[in-house]
C-alpha atoms as a PDB file:
ATOM      1  CA  UNK A   1      -0.110   0.300  -0.309  1.00  0.00           C
ATOM      2  CA  UNK A   2       2.842   2.567   1.053  1.00  0.00           C
ATOM      3  CA  UNK A   3       4.576   1.860  -2.311  1.00  0.00           C
ATOM      4  CA  UNK A   4       1.340   2.391  -4.365  1.00  0.00           C
ATOM      5  CA  UNK A   5       0.682   5.493  -2.386  1.00  0.00           C
ATOM      6  CA  UNK A   6       4.239   6.817  -3.409  1.00  0.00           C
ATOM      7  CA  UNK A   7       3.917   5.796  -7.022  1.00  0.00           C
ATOM      8  CA  UNK A   8       0.297   7.586  -7.022  1.00  0.00           C
ATOM      9  CA  UNK A   9       1.633  10.783  -5.551  1.00  0.00           C
ATOM     10  CA  UNK A  10       4.590  10.798  -8.171  1.00  0.00           C
ATOM     11  CA  UNK A  11       2.090  10.658 -10.783  1.00  0.00           C
ATOM     12  CA  UNK A  12       0.103  13.568  -9.106  1.00  0.00           C
ATOM     13  CA  UNK A  13       3.212  15.587  -9.306  1.00  0.00           C
ATOM     14  CA  UNK A  14       4.010  15.053 -12.978  1.00  0.00           C
ATOM     15  CA  UNK A  15       0.371  15.585 -13.759  1.00  0.00           C
ATOM     16  CA  UNK A  16       0.264  19.053 -11.644  1.00  0.00           C
ATOM     17  CA  UNK A  17       3.615  19.943 -13.592  1.00  0.00           C
ATOM     18  CA  UNK A  18       2.271  19.291 -16.803  1.00  0.00           C
ATOM     19  CA  UNK A  19      -0.769  20.992 -16.372  1.00  0.00           C
ATOM     20  CA  UNK A  20       0.416  24.220 -15.502  1.00  0.00           C
ATOM     21  CA  UNK A  21       3.078  24.523 -17.688  1.00  0.00           C
ATOM     22  CA  UNK A  22       5.844  24.044 -15.375  1.00  0.00           C
ATOM     23  CA  UNK A  23       9.220  22.985 -16.658  1.00  0.00           C
ATOM     24  CA  UNK A  24      11.498  20.783 -14.947  1.00  0.00           C
ATOM     25  CA  UNK A  25      14.549  22.785 -13.372  1.00  0.00           C
ATOM     26  CA  UNK A  26      16.065  20.034 -11.523  1.00  0.00           C
ATOM     27  CA  UNK A  27      16.683  16.292 -12.163  1.00  0.00           C
ATOM     28  CA  UNK A  28      18.388  13.387 -10.339  1.00  0.00           C
ATOM     29  CA  UNK A  29      20.571  10.738 -11.632  1.00  0.00           C
ATOM     30  CA  UNK A  30      22.117  13.111 -14.327  1.00  0.00           C
ATOM     31  CA  UNK A  31      24.316  16.160 -14.580  1.00  0.00           C
ATOM     32  CA  UNK A  32      22.034  17.779 -17.073  1.00  0.00           C
ATOM     33  CA  UNK A  33      19.034  19.758 -17.228  1.00  0.00           C
ATOM     34  CA  UNK A  34      17.198  21.597 -19.896  1.00  0.00           C
ATOM     35  CA  UNK A  35      14.229  23.853 -19.128  1.00  0.00           C
ATOM     36  CA  UNK A  36      12.507  25.621 -21.928  1.00  0.00           C
ATOM     37  CA  UNK A  37      11.026  29.071 -22.215  1.00  0.00           C
ATOM     38  CA  UNK A  38       8.444  30.136 -24.935  1.00  0.00           C
ATOM     39  CA  UNK A  39       9.004  33.624 -26.242  1.00  0.00           C
ATOM     40  CA  UNK A  40       6.451  35.847 -27.746  1.00  0.00           C
ATOM     41  CA  UNK A  41       6.425  39.266 -29.278  1.00  0.00           C
ATOM     42  CA  UNK A  42       3.760  41.520 -30.900  1.00  0.00           C
ATOM     43  CA  UNK A  43       5.840  43.357 -33.731  1.00  0.00           C
ATOM     44  CA  UNK A  44       4.520  47.003 -34.147  1.00  0.00           C
ATOM     45  CA  UNK A  45       5.096  49.322 -37.174  1.00  0.00           C
ATOM     46  CA  UNK A  46       7.259  52.226 -35.980  1.00  0.00           C
ATOM     47  CA  UNK A  47       8.332  55.623 -37.684  1.00  0.00           C
ATOM     48  CA  UNK A  48      10.756  58.481 -36.923  1.00  0.00           C
ATOM     49  CA  UNK A  49      11.938  61.385 -38.593  1.00  0.00           C
ATOM     50  CA  UNK A  50      14.998  63.292 -37.491  1.00  0.00           C
ATOM     51  CA  UNK A  51      16.185  66.789 -38.587  1.00  0.00           C
ATOM     52  CA  UNK A  52      19.877  67.791 -38.245  1.00  0.00           C
ATOM     53  CA  UNK A  53      22.018  70.862 -39.371  1.00  0.00           C
ATOM     54  CA  UNK A  54      23.164  70.313 -43.109  1.00  0.00           C
ATOM     55  CA  UNK A  55      26.771  70.284 -43.962  1.00  0.00           C
ATOM     56  CA  UNK A  56      26.831  72.253 -47.586  1.00  0.00           C
ATOM     57  CA  UNK A  57      27.059  76.081 -48.019  1.00  0.00           C
ATOM     58  CA  UNK A  58      28.961  78.760 -46.172  1.00  0.00           C
ATOM     59  CA  UNK A  59      27.987  78.112 -42.218  1.00  0.00           C
ATOM     60  CA  UNK A  60      24.796  76.403 -42.274  1.00  0.00           C
ATOM     61  CA  UNK A  61      22.251  77.385 -39.777  1.00  0.00           C
ATOM     62  CA  UNK A  62      22.256  75.144 -36.584  1.00  0.00           C
ATOM     63  CA  UNK A  63      19.025  73.183 -36.074  1.00  0.00           C
ATOM     64  CA  UNK A  64      18.633  73.145 -32.003  1.00  0.00           C
ATOM     65  CA  UNK A  65      17.236  69.915 -30.866  1.00  0.00           C
ATOM     66  CA  UNK A  66      16.155  71.299 -27.153  1.00  0.00           C
ATOM     67  CA  UNK A  67      12.732  70.354 -26.611  1.00  0.00           C
ATOM     68  CA  UNK A  68      11.745  70.616 -29.939  1.00  0.00           C
ATOM     69  CA  UNK A  69      13.567  71.730 -33.391  1.00  0.00           C
ATOM     70  CA  UNK A  70      14.374  75.566 -33.932  1.00  0.00           C
ATOM     71  CA  UNK A  71      16.266  77.497 -36.412  1.00  0.00           C
ATOM     72  CA  UNK A  72      17.070  81.052 -36.281  1.00  0.00           C
ATOM     73  CA  UNK A  73      18.456  82.919 -39.611  1.00  0.00           C
ATOM     74  CA  UNK A  74      19.213  85.968 -37.596  1.00  0.00           C
ATOM     75  CA  UNK A  75      19.462  89.311 -39.190  1.00  0.00           C
ATOM     76  CA  UNK A  76      17.856  89.550 -42.607  1.00  0.00           C
ATOM     77  CA  UNK A  77      16.709  92.245 -44.740  1.00  0.00           C
ATOM     78  CA  UNK A  78      14.964  92.909 -48.245  1.00  0.00           C
ATOM     79  CA  UNK A  79      18.332  94.183 -49.829  1.00  0.00           C
ATOM     80  CA  UNK A  80      20.791  91.368 -49.010  1.00  0.00           C
ATOM     81  CA  UNK A  81      23.344  93.564 -47.641  1.00  0.00           C
ATOM     82  CA  UNK A  82      25.244  92.835 -44.578  1.00  0.00           C
ATOM     83  CA  UNK A  83      26.819  89.315 -43.623  1.00  0.00           C
ATOM     84  CA  UNK A  84      23.928  86.742 -42.658  1.00  0.00           C
ATOM     85  CA  UNK A  85      24.752  85.136 -39.410  1.00  0.00           C
ATOM     86  CA  UNK A  86      24.191  81.796 -40.972  1.00  0.00           C
ATOM     87  CA  UNK A  87      23.325  80.109 -44.368  1.00  0.00           C
ATOM     88  CA  UNK A  88      23.967  82.306 -47.800  1.00  0.00           C
ATOM     89  CA  UNK A  89      22.084  85.282 -49.196  1.00  0.00           C
ATOM     90  CA  UNK A  90      20.848  85.584 -53.032  1.00  0.00           C
ATOM     91  CA  UNK A  91      19.516  88.948 -54.239  1.00  0.00           C
ATOM     92  CA  UNK A  92      16.698  88.861 -57.036  1.00  0.00           C
ATOM     93  CA  UNK A  93      15.153  91.920 -58.242  1.00  0.00           C
ATOM     94  CA  UNK A  94      13.017  92.839 -55.425  1.00  0.00           C
ATOM     95  CA  UNK A  95      13.779  90.218 -52.764  1.00  0.00           C
ATOM     96  CA  UNK A  96      16.666  88.946 -50.822  1.00  0.00           C
ATOM     97  CA  UNK A  97      16.520  85.019 -49.805  1.00  0.00           C
ATOM     98  CA  UNK A  98      18.396  83.825 -47.262  1.00  0.00           C
ATOM     99  CA  UNK A  99      18.815  79.904 -47.425  1.00  0.00           C
ATOM    100  CA  UNK A 100      20.628  77.116 -45.514  1.00  0.00           C
ATOM    101  CA  UNK A 101      21.231  73.383 -45.875  1.00  0.00           C
ATOM    102  CA  UNK A 102      19.615  70.953 -43.421  1.00  0.00           C
ATOM    103  CA  UNK A 103      19.235  67.024 -43.012  1.00  0.00           C
ATOM    104  CA  UNK A 104      16.285  64.752 -43.125  1.00  0.00           C
ATOM    105  CA  UNK A 105      16.715  61.154 -41.866  1.00  0.00           C
ATOM    106  CA  UNK A 106      13.600  59.021 -42.079  1.00  0.00           C
ATOM    107  CA  UNK A 107      13.523  55.685 -40.403  1.00  0.00           C
ATOM    108  CA  UNK A 108      11.081  53.110 -40.355  1.00  0.00           C
ATOM    109  CA  UNK A 109      10.237  49.516 -39.719  1.00  0.00           C
ATOM    110  CA  UNK A 110       7.376  47.052 -39.903  1.00  0.00           C
ATOM    111  CA  UNK A 111       5.873  48.981 -42.982  1.00  0.00           C
ATOM    112  CA  UNK A 112       4.616  47.423 -46.196  1.00  0.00           C
ATOM    113  CA  UNK A 113       6.696  50.281 -48.179  1.00  0.00           C
ATOM    114  CA  UNK A 114      10.580  50.414 -48.735  1.00  0.00           C
ATOM    115  CA  UNK A 115       9.960  54.407 -49.099  1.00  0.00           C
ATOM    116  CA  UNK A 116       8.627  57.424 -47.410  1.00  0.00           C
ATOM    117  CA  UNK A 117       7.460  60.562 -48.319  1.00  0.00           C
ATOM    118  CA  UNK A 118       7.398  64.150 -46.783  1.00  0.00           C
ATOM    119  CA  UNK A 119       4.828  66.990 -46.454  1.00  0.00           C
ATOM    120  CA  UNK A 120       5.756  70.120 -45.364  1.00  0.00           C
ATOM    121  CA  UNK A 121       3.269  73.030 -44.268  1.00  0.00           C
ATOM    122  CA  UNK A 122       3.855  76.193 -42.194  1.00  0.00           C
ATOM    123  CA  UNK A 123       1.381  78.816 -41.302  1.00  0.00           C
ATOM    124  CA  UNK A 124       2.276  82.004 -43.107  1.00  0.00           C
ATOM    125  CA  UNK A 125       4.609  84.431 -41.148  1.00  0.00           C
ATOM    126  CA  UNK A 126       2.753  87.720 -39.372  1.00  0.00           C
ATOM    127  CA  UNK A 127       4.130  89.400 -42.097  1.00  0.00           C
ATOM    128  CA  UNK A 128       3.489  87.426 -45.297  1.00  0.00           C
ATOM    129  CA  UNK A 129       3.854  90.225 -47.746  1.00  0.00           C
ATOM    130  CA  UNK A 130       7.228  90.560 -46.690  1.00  0.00           C
ATOM    131  CA  UNK A 131       8.049  87.150 -45.587  1.00  0.00           C
ATOM    132  CA  UNK A 132       7.950  83.981 -47.294  1.00  0.00           C
ATOM    133  CA  UNK A 133       9.201  80.628 -46.069  1.00  0.00           C
ATOM    134  CA  UNK A 134      10.834  78.204 -48.973  1.00  0.00           C
ATOM    135  CA  UNK A 135      12.034  74.820 -49.331  1.00  0.00           C
ATOM    136  CA  UNK A 136      13.449  72.913 -51.993  1.00  0.00           C
ATOM    137  CA  UNK A 137      16.203  70.124 -53.070  1.00  0.00           C
ATOM    138  CA  UNK A 138      18.670  73.033 -53.681  1.00  0.00           C
ATOM    139  CA  UNK A 139      18.918  76.692 -53.484  1.00  0.00           C
ATOM    140  CA  UNK A 140      17.892  76.887 -57.087  1.00  0.00           C
ATOM    141  CA  UNK A 141      14.657  75.078 -56.548  1.00  0.00           C
ATOM    142  CA  UNK A 142      12.928  76.725 -53.481  1.00  0.00           C
ATOM    143  CA  UNK A 143       9.563  77.240 -53.611  1.00  0.00           C
ATOM    144  CA  UNK A 144       6.827  78.499 -51.060  1.00  0.00           C
ATOM    145  CA  UNK A 145       5.977  76.089 -48.034  1.00  0.00           C
ATOM    146  CA  UNK A 146       2.363  75.670 -48.179  1.00  0.00           C
ATOM    147  CA  UNK A 147       0.146  76.435 -45.279  1.00  0.00           C
ATOM    148  CA  UNK A 148      -2.077  73.788 -45.893  1.00  0.00           C
ATOM    149  CA  UNK A 149      -1.089  69.829 -46.589  1.00  0.00           C
ATOM    150  CA  UNK A 150      -0.935  68.999 -50.539  1.00  0.00           C
ATOM    151  CA  UNK A 151       1.337  66.886 -52.343  1.00  0.00           C
ATOM    152  CA  UNK A 152       4.501  65.733 -51.077  1.00  0.00           C
ATOM    153  CA  UNK A 153       7.466  67.719 -51.640  1.00  0.00           C
ATOM    154  CA  UNK A 154       9.909  65.055 -50.674  1.00  0.00           C
ATOM    155  CA  UNK A 155       9.495  61.539 -52.096  1.00  0.00           C
ATOM    156  CA  UNK A 156      11.299  58.056 -52.454  1.00  0.00           C
ATOM    157  CA  UNK A 157      13.147  58.351 -48.971  1.00  0.00           C
ATOM    158  CA  UNK A 158      14.702  55.420 -47.685  1.00  0.00           C
ATOM    159  CA  UNK A 159      14.578  54.270 -43.976  1.00  0.00           C
ATOM    160  CA  UNK A 160      18.040  55.308 -42.261  1.00  0.00           C
ATOM    161  CA  UNK A 161      19.521  57.164 -45.577  1.00  0.00           C
ATOM    162  CA  UNK A 162      19.967  61.014 -44.782  1.00  0.00           C
ATOM    163  CA  UNK A 163      18.788  63.609 -47.482  1.00  0.00           C
ATOM    164  CA  UNK A 164      20.198  67.065 -47.355  1.00  0.00           C
ATOM    165  CA  UNK A 165      17.641  69.623 -48.334  1.00  0.00           C
ATOM    166  CA  UNK A 166      17.678  73.741 -48.221  1.00  0.00           C
ATOM    167  CA  UNK A 167      15.091  75.979 -46.268  1.00  0.00           C
ATOM    168  CA  UNK A 168      15.067  79.815 -46.938  1.00  0.00           C
ATOM    169  CA  UNK A 169      13.193  82.953 -46.185  1.00  0.00           C
ATOM    170  CA  UNK A 170      12.619  85.664 -48.394  1.00  0.00           C
ATOM    171  CA  UNK A 171      12.352  89.022 -47.797  1.00  0.00           C
ATOM    172  CA  UNK A 172      10.642  91.312 -49.703  1.00  0.00           C
ATOM    173  CA  UNK A 173      11.939  94.945 -50.133  1.00  0.00           C
ATOM    174  CA  UNK A 174       8.826  96.260 -51.250  1.00  0.00           C
ATOM    175  CA  UNK A 175       7.305  99.543 -49.490  1.00  0.00           C
ATOM    176  CA  UNK A 176       5.777  99.666 -47.151  1.00  0.00           C
ATOM    177  CA  UNK A 177       8.047  97.588 -45.065  1.00  0.00           C
ATOM    178  CA  UNK A 178       8.452  95.849 -41.994  1.00  0.00           C
ATOM    179  CA  UNK A 179      11.136  95.713 -39.662  1.00  0.00           C
ATOM    180  CA  UNK A 180      11.248  93.354 -36.432  1.00  0.00           C
ATOM    181  CA  UNK A 181      11.290  89.744 -35.166  1.00  0.00           C
ATOM    182  CA  UNK A 182       8.746  87.390 -36.969  1.00  0.00           C
ATOM    183  CA  UNK A 183       8.296  83.429 -36.957  1.00  0.00           C
ATOM    184  CA  UNK A 184       6.830  80.357 -38.033  1.00  0.00           C
ATOM    185  CA  UNK A 185       6.584  76.701 -37.531  1.00  0.00           C
ATOM    186  CA  UNK A 186       6.990  74.105 -40.129  1.00  0.00           C
ATOM    187  CA  UNK A 187       5.401  70.621 -39.744  1.00  0.00           C
ATOM    188  CA  UNK A 188       7.500  67.912 -41.395  1.00  0.00           C
ATOM    189  CA  UNK A 189       4.792  65.449 -41.970  1.00  0.00           C
ATOM    190  CA  UNK A 190       6.220  61.585 -42.875  1.00  0.00           C
ATOM    191  CA  UNK A 191       4.046  58.753 -44.301  1.00  0.00           C
ATOM    192  CA  UNK A 192       5.258  55.643 -45.360  1.00  0.00           C
ATOM    193  CA  UNK A 193       2.429  54.256 -47.820  1.00  0.00           C
END
């Protein structure tokens, strides 16, 4: 009876271990034990877009990364006279455009596409007849940044590949003019279709 009870108790322990999913972590009469652990994950899609100071041109404007991104063109004017604090100035007709390079690095995973696109939008400056924000692949292709979303301005971006682009502020020298501080905020909306 005692032997029968011991065998019954052993079977009960084996049954409990198998029903609760516990793996054996000890063994007798051997020098090896091999417990297993099932690992599961739930992979999610992710996107990231980083802006950084460009490398091309005379003294690119610094992109500050404290809290959110910011850039300061410093003192500008509609005649393009003086030395800009950063970037380069181009004078054409009745305006001067101050432009600087910047870097854009997209990163994404878990997406069905291998390329991304970016739409830039920015509300108008407080003085929109004097100041216009522009963006382009180089200083010769700068176009006004719209205030409402439209077609993507930057397409074919590969994950992890840095692309150099240009931002500019055009200052008109038509009268009546404006003198003083002004600002706008650019939103870079990246989509991986």
